[in-house]
């Protein structure tokens, strides 16, 4: 069917204008300038390997394990989140810090040097 004298609407433009992307990045406020992702990423955090793990056997005590692995009860308890040194049970897996390749730092507080 052909219509004479009718006008067709204009087709929409093919290239629509777009606005430029504008990102305002505002750093999060911190109380400590050293508390940045970069500072925390640079802190050495040892991860336990199979060589640094020990499965508690029947008759094991934390003090006996500390002596066996040349460390202290306090270090073993801190590394494993143990509050009662008498609470270890056979089958528990313990991290032995003295067997880690990278020693656990006394404090894990990152520091940044300024030029």
Protein backbone atom coordinates (compact mmCIF):
# COMPACT_ATOMS: atom_id res chain seq x y z
CA UNK A 1 0.00 0.00 0.00
CA UNK A 2 1.45 3.35 -1.01
CA UNK A 3 0.42 6.57 0.71
CA UNK A 4 0.90 9.77 -1.17
CA UNK A 5 1.35 13.06 0.69
CA UNK A 6 2.24 11.45 4.05
CA UNK A 7 5.48 12.31 5.74
CA UNK A 8 7.45 9.76 7.70
CA UNK A 9 8.98 10.64 11.05
CA UNK A 10 12.72 11.34 11.17
CA UNK A 11 14.78 8.29 12.16
CA UNK A 12 16.65 8.67 15.46
CA UNK A 13 20.28 9.72 15.16
CA UNK A 14 22.71 6.82 15.02
CA UNK A 15 25.46 8.37 17.15
CA UNK A 16 24.01 9.68 20.37
CA UNK A 17 26.17 12.14 22.28
CA UNK A 18 27.58 10.80 25.58
CA UNK A 19 28.86 12.63 28.59
CA UNK A 20 32.47 12.07 29.65
CA UNK A 21 32.95 9.84 32.67
CA UNK A 22 34.08 11.85 35.65
CA UNK A 23 35.23 10.07 38.79
CA UNK A 24 35.90 12.00 41.94
CA UNK A 25 38.15 9.80 44.07
CA UNK A 26 38.28 10.92 47.65
CA UNK A 27 40.69 9.05 49.91
CA UNK A 28 39.19 7.55 53.03
CA UNK A 29 40.23 9.40 56.16
CA UNK A 30 42.55 7.57 58.54
CA UNK A 31 43.84 8.41 61.95
CA UNK A 32 47.26 7.03 61.10
CA UNK A 33 49.04 7.93 57.85
CA UNK A 34 50.87 4.59 58.02
CA UNK A 35 47.56 2.71 57.99
CA UNK A 36 47.40 2.37 54.25
CA UNK A 37 46.88 -0.62 52.00
CA UNK A 38 50.42 -0.24 50.71
CA UNK A 39 51.89 -0.34 54.20
CA UNK A 40 49.88 -3.38 55.21
CA UNK A 41 50.68 -5.16 51.94
CA UNK A 42 54.38 -4.74 52.59
CA UNK A 43 54.23 -6.40 56.02
CA UNK A 44 55.56 -9.94 55.93
CA UNK A 45 52.90 -12.36 57.12
CA UNK A 46 54.09 -15.95 57.16
CA UNK A 47 51.68 -18.57 55.99
CA UNK A 48 51.94 -22.00 57.53
CA UNK A 49 53.31 -24.69 55.26
CA UNK A 50 53.07 -28.41 55.79
CA UNK A 51 56.52 -28.28 57.41
CA UNK A 52 55.33 -25.77 60.02
CA UNK A 53 52.21 -27.69 61.03
CA UNK A 54 52.05 -30.36 63.71
CA UNK A 55 49.16 -32.67 64.53
CA UNK A 56 48.80 -33.19 68.27
CA UNK A 57 49.35 -36.80 69.32
CA UNK A 58 48.02 -38.55 72.45
CA UNK A 59 50.22 -37.59 75.42
CA UNK A 60 51.46 -34.33 73.86
CA UNK A 61 51.54 -31.24 76.04
CA UNK A 62 52.12 -27.67 74.97
CA UNK A 63 55.18 -27.45 77.20
CA UNK A 64 56.57 -30.68 75.75
CA UNK A 65 55.99 -29.42 72.21
CA UNK A 66 57.62 -26.09 73.07
CA UNK A 67 60.72 -27.90 74.29
CA UNK A 68 60.71 -30.27 71.30
CA UNK A 69 60.49 -27.44 68.76
CA UNK A 70 62.85 -25.04 70.60
CA UNK A 71 60.24 -22.41 71.40
CA UNK A 72 58.09 -21.35 74.36
CA UNK A 73 54.60 -22.22 75.52
CA UNK A 74 53.65 -18.54 75.17
CA UNK A 75 54.77 -18.40 71.53
CA UNK A 76 52.90 -21.61 70.66
CA UNK A 77 49.77 -20.41 72.45
CA UNK A 78 49.86 -17.00 70.73
CA UNK A 79 50.44 -18.47 67.27
CA UNK A 80 47.51 -20.84 67.66
CA UNK A 81 45.07 -18.65 69.60
CA UNK A 82 45.22 -20.96 72.63
CA UNK A 83 44.03 -19.38 75.88
CA UNK A 84 44.35 -22.53 78.02
CA UNK A 85 47.63 -24.40 77.44
CA UNK A 86 46.04 -27.56 78.89
CA UNK A 87 43.25 -27.58 76.29
CA UNK A 88 45.10 -29.14 73.34
CA UNK A 89 43.57 -32.39 72.14
CA UNK A 90 44.92 -35.22 69.94
CA UNK A 91 44.11 -34.46 66.31
CA UNK A 92 44.39 -30.66 66.65
CA UNK A 93 46.73 -29.08 64.11
CA UNK A 94 49.12 -26.51 65.53
CA UNK A 95 51.30 -23.93 63.80
CA UNK A 96 54.88 -24.23 65.02
CA UNK A 97 56.39 -20.74 64.51
CA UNK A 98 59.98 -21.95 64.97
CA UNK A 99 59.53 -24.10 61.83
CA UNK A 100 58.34 -21.24 59.62
CA UNK A 101 60.81 -20.10 56.99
CA UNK A 102 59.98 -16.46 57.72
CA UNK A 103 59.96 -15.73 61.44
CA UNK A 104 56.85 -14.14 62.89
CA UNK A 105 57.63 -10.49 63.71
CA UNK A 106 57.13 -9.46 67.33
CA UNK A 107 54.80 -6.68 66.20
CA UNK A 108 53.08 -6.46 62.87
CA UNK A 109 52.88 -2.68 62.84
CA UNK A 110 53.71 -1.35 59.38
CA UNK A 111 56.00 1.63 59.08
CA UNK A 112 56.59 3.91 56.14
CA UNK A 113 59.75 5.80 55.56
CA UNK A 114 59.41 9.33 54.31
CA UNK A 115 61.98 10.82 51.94
